[in-house]
Amino acid sequence: MCPKLVFCGPTISPAEVQERLQAVCLPPAVQGSIVSAVLHCNPSAIVLIDGGFQTEPAVKHKEILWAISRGITVVGASSMGALRAAELSPFMVGVGLVYRWYRRFALAADDAVAVQHGPEQLGFVPLTDALIDLRLTFRAAWRQNKIPFELAQKLEISSLALNFRERSLAHVIAKTLPNASSTEINEYHAVLTTSFVRQKHIDALKALDFVRSSKFQVAKTPSKFVMTRAFVNDLEDSGFDIEQLLSFSTSREFT
């Protein structure tokens, strides 16, 4: 059995993962990634942090349930992991504030955790800031008396209005204060940077710590799994040999 697997990218780097947990790090999960990981390396646990969704279909709920039906614990946090954990509770294990936020607010926007990032060759370096991090940053700066409440509100409204591909601290400040000089914008940027809350990163670290802690347990395993035509079609679109998958699959079915 392979070590634990971690799907990571812009939220947390493989080097940071290795500092906290002995695991194999894989790029952000997309459709078919979970099934491929299980077929090639039958892991005891999978930690889903980052996932792709722009150039490829996002990782499907069904393949996560398929992995769980095989007795593999799947933990989610921070980004795509928090979304899927909230949607698949109680079968998938969720960790962190972002996960709890999505559990509480079922209709919260998916793009609150989305960021634009560079390619794998550059380590998926984030090019924008997640809405969830920006909102917490503005509130933290206000509570620390670094900015007035009214400005914190305006900054949050501006960040909500931006597409996730355009959300960055500098862009939000400029949009909120269109008449401010470059010097003033730089000053606000410096102030807010000192209060910046990297909640997604914090949650990723918590997920890794949880997996290596004594609290880590095998998730509730569903008794059945239904191999639906839609699931098979998705996997065929991802290039899987369905006969190989069927021979590998468990006989359990979801009801």
Protein backbone atom coordinates (compact mmCIF):
# COMPACT_ATOMS: atom_id res chain seq x y z
CA MET A 1 0.00 0.00 0.00
CA CYS A 2 1.31 3.44 -0.96
CA PRO A 3 1.76 6.29 1.51
CA LYS A 4 -1.04 8.78 1.96
CA LEU A 5 -1.77 10.95 -1.09
CA VAL A 6 -2.17 14.73 -1.10
CA PHE A 7 -3.61 16.72 -4.00
CA CYS A 8 -2.09 20.18 -3.67
CA GLY A 9 -1.05 23.18 -5.75
CA PRO A 10 -1.53 26.91 -5.19
CA THR A 11 -2.78 26.55 -1.59
CA ILE A 12 0.21 24.63 -0.27
CA SER A 13 3.36 23.35 -1.94
CA PRO A 14 4.60 19.75 -1.93
CA ALA A 15 7.63 20.88 0.09
CA GLU A 16 5.37 22.26 2.82
CA VAL A 17 3.31 19.07 2.78
CA GLN A 18 6.42 16.95 3.25
CA GLU A 19 7.38 18.99 6.30
CA ARG A 20 4.14 17.97 8.04
CA LEU A 21 3.22 14.57 6.62
CA GLN A 22 4.91 11.66 4.89
CA ALA A 23 2.88 11.55 1.71
CA VAL A 24 2.97 11.45 -2.06
CA CYS A 25 1.98 14.83 -3.50
CA LEU A 26 -0.06 15.06 -6.69
CA PRO A 27 -1.20 18.07 -8.76
CA PRO A 28 -4.64 19.63 -8.16
CA ALA A 29 -7.31 16.99 -8.72
CA VAL A 30 -9.52 17.04 -11.81
CA GLN A 31 -12.02 14.57 -13.23
CA GLY A 32 -10.50 11.11 -13.01
CA SER A 33 -7.64 12.03 -10.66
CA ILE A 34 -9.01 10.17 -7.64
CA VAL A 35 -9.75 7.01 -9.62
CA SER A 36 -6.32 7.12 -11.26
CA ALA A 37 -4.62 7.54 -7.88
CA VAL A 38 -6.46 4.56 -6.41
CA LEU A 39 -5.82 2.34 -9.44
CA HIS A 40 -2.10 3.06 -9.49
CA CYS A 41 -1.49 3.24 -5.77
CA ASN A 42 -4.04 1.83 -3.35
CA PRO A 43 -3.63 4.41 -0.55
CA SER A 44 -4.89 4.30 3.00
CA ALA A 45 -5.94 7.95 2.83
CA ILE A 46 -6.33 10.80 0.36
CA VAL A 47 -6.11 14.46 1.31
CA LEU A 48 -7.85 16.66 -1.23
CA ILE A 49 -6.80 20.31 -0.95
CA ASP A 50 -6.56 21.80 -4.44
CA GLY A 51 -8.50 20.97 -7.57
CA GLY A 52 -8.61 22.25 -11.14
CA PHE A 53 -11.75 23.34 -12.96
CA GLN A 54 -10.92 25.74 -15.77
CA THR A 55 -9.21 23.73 -18.51
CA GLU A 56 -10.52 20.33 -17.36
CA PRO A 57 -13.71 19.13 -15.64
CA ALA A 58 -13.55 19.32 -11.84
CA VAL A 59 -13.08 16.17 -9.76
CA LYS A 60 -16.45 14.44 -9.51
CA HIS A 61 -18.30 13.58 -6.32
CA LYS A 62 -18.93 10.06 -7.58
CA GLU A 63 -15.27 9.12 -7.89
CA ILE A 64 -14.65 10.31 -4.34
CA LEU A 65 -17.52 8.12 -3.14
CA TRP A 66 -16.07 5.25 -5.16
CA ALA A 67 -12.75 5.63 -3.35
CA ILE A 68 -14.48 5.85 0.02
CA SER A 69 -16.48 2.69 -0.77
CA ARG A 70 -13.15 0.89 -1.02
CA GLY A 71 -12.37 1.82 2.59
CA ILE A 72 -10.06 4.70 1.68
CA THR A 73 -10.41 7.71 3.97
CA VAL A 74 -10.75 10.94 1.98
CA VAL A 75 -10.10 14.21 3.81
CA GLY A 76 -10.93 17.61 2.33
CA ALA A 77 -9.91 21.14 3.27
CA SER A 78 -9.12 24.65 2.09
CA SER A 79 -10.25 24.81 -1.51
CA MET A 80 -11.83 22.16 -3.76
CA GLY A 81 -11.32 19.80 -0.83
CA ALA A 82 -13.49 21.93 1.46
CA LEU A 83 -16.20 22.17 -1.20
CA ARG A 84 -16.36 18.44 -1.82
CA ALA A 85 -16.15 17.57 1.89
CA ALA A 86 -19.08 19.87 2.65
CA GLU A 87 -21.10 18.38 -0.20
CA LEU A 88 -20.26 14.76 0.68
CA SER A 89 -20.55 14.89 4.47
CA PRO A 90 -20.65 12.57 6.38
CA PHE A 91 -18.85 10.21 3.99
CA MET A 92 -15.91 12.53 3.36
CA VAL A 93 -14.02 14.07 6.29
CA GLY A 94 -13.83 17.87 6.34
CA VAL A 95 -11.28 19.96 8.22
CA GLY A 96 -10.95 23.69 8.84
CA LEU A 97 -12.85 26.95 8.84
CA VAL A 98 -13.49 27.01 5.08
CA TYR A 99 -15.07 23.56 5.24
CA ARG A 100 -17.27 24.58 8.17
CA TRP A 101 -18.29 27.75 6.30
CA TYR A 102 -19.46 25.75 3.28
CA ARG A 103 -21.27 23.30 5.55
CA ARG A 104 -23.14 26.16 7.24
CA PHE A 105 -23.88 28.12 4.07
CA ALA A 106 -24.82 25.54 1.46
CA LEU A 107 -25.41 28.19 -1.22
CA ALA A 108 -22.08 29.99 -0.70
CA ALA A 109 -20.30 30.70 -3.97
CA ASP A 110 -17.73 28.16 -5.12
CA ASP A 111 -15.46 30.93 -6.40
CA ALA A 112 -14.82 32.16 -2.84
CA VAL A 113 -11.87 29.74 -2.74
CA ALA A 114 -10.82 29.99 -6.39
CA VAL A 115 -7.55 31.60 -7.47
CA GLN A 116 -5.75 32.08 -10.76
CA HIS A 117 -2.39 30.31 -10.68
CA GLY A 118 0.64 29.54 -12.76
CA PRO A 119 1.43 26.21 -14.47
CA GLU A 120 2.78 23.09 -12.79
CA GLN A 121 6.28 23.93 -14.09
CA LEU A 122 6.22 27.03 -11.87
CA GLY A 123 4.76 25.22 -8.89
CA PHE A 124 1.16 26.40 -9.39
CA VAL A 125 2.18 29.76 -7.92
CA PRO A 126 -0.99 31.75 -7.02
CA LEU A 127 -1.48 34.90 -9.10
CA THR A 128 -4.59 36.17 -7.29
CA ASP A 129 -6.04 36.04 -3.79
CA ALA A 130 -9.02 33.96 -2.71
CA LEU A 131 -12.15 35.85 -1.71
CA ILE A 132 -12.33 33.98 1.60
CA ASP A 133 -8.80 35.15 2.47
CA LEU A 134 -9.50 38.74 1.43
CA ARG A 135 -12.71 39.00 3.45
CA LEU A 136 -11.03 37.65 6.57
CA THR A 137 -8.12 40.01 6.01
CA PHE A 138 -10.33 43.11 5.83
CA ARG A 139 -12.17 42.09 8.98
CA ALA A 140 -8.92 41.32 10.80
CA ALA A 141 -7.46 44.72 9.87
CA TRP A 142 -10.59 46.45 11.17
CA ARG A 143 -10.53 44.52 14.46
CA GLN A 144 -6.86 45.44 14.85
CA ASN A 145 -7.80 49.13 14.37
CA LYS A 146 -5.69 49.40 11.23
CA ILE A 147 -8.57 50.50 8.99
CA PRO A 148 -12.04 51.93 9.77
CA PHE A 149 -15.11 49.72 9.62
CA GLU A 150 -16.54 51.61 6.63
CA LEU A 151 -13.41 50.96 4.57
CA ALA A 152 -13.44 47.28 5.52
CA GLN A 153 -17.01 47.05 4.25
CA LYS A 154 -16.19 48.83 0.99
CA LEU A 155 -13.17 46.60 0.39
CA GLU A 156 -15.29 43.51 0.90
CA ILE A 157 -17.96 44.75 -1.49
CA SER A 158 -15.32 45.48 -4.13
CA SER A 159 -13.78 42.05 -3.78
CA LEU A 160 -17.19 40.40 -4.18
CA ALA A 161 -17.76 42.30 -7.43
CA LEU A 162 -14.53 41.07 -9.02
CA ASN A 163 -14.09 37.86 -10.97
CA PHE A 164 -11.79 35.43 -9.17
CA ARG A 165 -9.23 35.87 -11.97
CA GLU A 166 -8.94 39.55 -11.02
CA ARG A 167 -9.06 39.33 -7.24
CA SER A 168 -5.85 40.51 -5.66
CA LEU A 169 -5.28 42.73 -2.67
CA ALA A 170 -3.80 45.51 -4.81
CA HIS A 171 -6.63 45.39 -7.37
CA VAL A 172 -9.32 45.45 -4.67
CA ILE A 173 -7.75 48.49 -3.00
CA ALA A 174 -7.47 50.34 -6.31
CA LYS A 175 -11.08 49.54 -7.19
CA THR A 176 -12.31 50.64 -3.75
CA LEU A 177 -10.32 53.90 -3.75
CA PRO A 178 -10.35 55.03 -7.40
CA ASN A 179 -9.35 58.61 -6.52
CA ALA A 180 -6.49 57.65 -4.22
CA SER A 181 -2.92 58.36 -5.23
CA SER A 182 -0.47 55.55 -5.87
CA THR A 183 1.26 56.46 -2.61
CA GLU A 184 -1.99 56.08 -0.65
CA ILE A 185 -2.79 52.78 -2.33
CA ASN A 186 0.69 51.47 -1.53
CA GLU A 187 0.28 52.54 2.10
CA TYR A 188 -3.03 50.71 2.43
CA HIS A 189 -1.54 47.70 0.71
CA ALA A 190 1.33 47.62 3.20
CA VAL A 191 -1.06 47.94 6.15
CA LEU A 192 -3.38 45.19 4.93
CA THR A 193 -0.49 42.90 4.07
CA THR A 194 0.53 42.90 7.75
CA SER A 195 -2.96 41.61 8.60
CA PHE A 196 -3.33 39.20 5.68
CA VAL A 197 -5.13 35.99 6.66
CA ARG A 198 -4.10 32.96 4.61
CA GLN A 199 -7.02 30.89 5.83
CA LYS A 200 -6.84 28.36 3.01
CA HIS A 201 -3.20 27.68 3.86
CA ILE A 202 -4.00 27.49 7.56
CA ASP A 203 -6.71 24.91 6.88
CA ALA A 204 -4.38 22.87 4.67
CA LEU A 205 -1.88 22.63 7.51
CA LYS A 206 -4.68 21.62 9.90
CA ALA A 207 -5.76 18.86 7.53
CA LEU A 208 -2.23 17.47 7.35
CA ASP A 209 -1.85 17.65 11.12
CA PHE A 210 -5.20 15.91 11.54
CA VAL A 211 -4.19 13.03 9.28
CA ARG A 212 -1.03 12.36 11.28
CA SER A 213 -2.74 12.81 14.68
CA SER A 214 -4.31 10.24 16.98
CA LYS A 215 -7.73 11.69 16.08
CA PHE A 216 -7.45 10.41 12.53
CA GLN A 217 -9.89 7.58 11.93
CA VAL A 218 -11.27 5.73 8.96
CA ALA A 219 -14.31 7.56 7.60
CA LYS A 220 -17.76 6.02 7.65
CA THR A 221 -17.71 3.56 4.75
CA PRO A 222 -20.92 3.36 2.68
CA SER A 223 -22.27 -0.17 2.34
CA LYS A 224 -23.07 0.08 -1.36
CA PHE A 225 -21.85 1.83 -4.49
CA VAL A 226 -23.82 2.16 -7.73
CA MET A 227 -21.70 2.13 -10.89
CA THR A 228 -23.91 4.51 -12.87
CA ARG A 229 -23.71 5.08 -16.62
CA ALA A 230 -22.85 8.75 -16.02
CA PHE A 231 -19.91 7.70 -13.83
CA VAL A 232 -18.67 5.28 -16.47
CA ASN A 233 -19.07 7.88 -19.22
CA ASP A 234 -17.07 10.44 -17.24
CA LEU A 235 -14.25 7.94 -16.75
CA GLU A 236 -14.26 6.94 -20.40
CA ASP A 237 -14.00 10.64 -21.30
CA SER A 238 -10.94 10.76 -19.03
CA GLY A 239 -9.32 7.90 -20.93
CA PHE A 240 -9.86 5.04 -18.48
CA ASP A 241 -10.13 1.40 -19.45
CA ILE A 242 -13.53 0.60 -17.96
CA GLU A 243 -12.91 -3.15 -17.96
CA GLN A 244 -9.84 -2.58 -15.79
CA LEU A 245 -11.89 -0.39 -13.46
CA LEU A 246 -14.69 -2.94 -13.16
CA SER A 247 -12.25 -5.74 -12.35
CA PHE A 248 -10.69 -3.53 -9.68
CA SER A 249 -13.95 -2.23 -8.22
CA THR A 250 -15.63 -3.42 -5.08
CA SER A 251 -18.94 -5.24 -5.25
CA ARG A 252 -20.50 -2.77 -2.78
CA GLU A 253 -23.13 -0.39 -4.11
CA PHE A 254 -24.56 2.88 -2.90
CA THR A 255 -28.29 2.89 -2.31
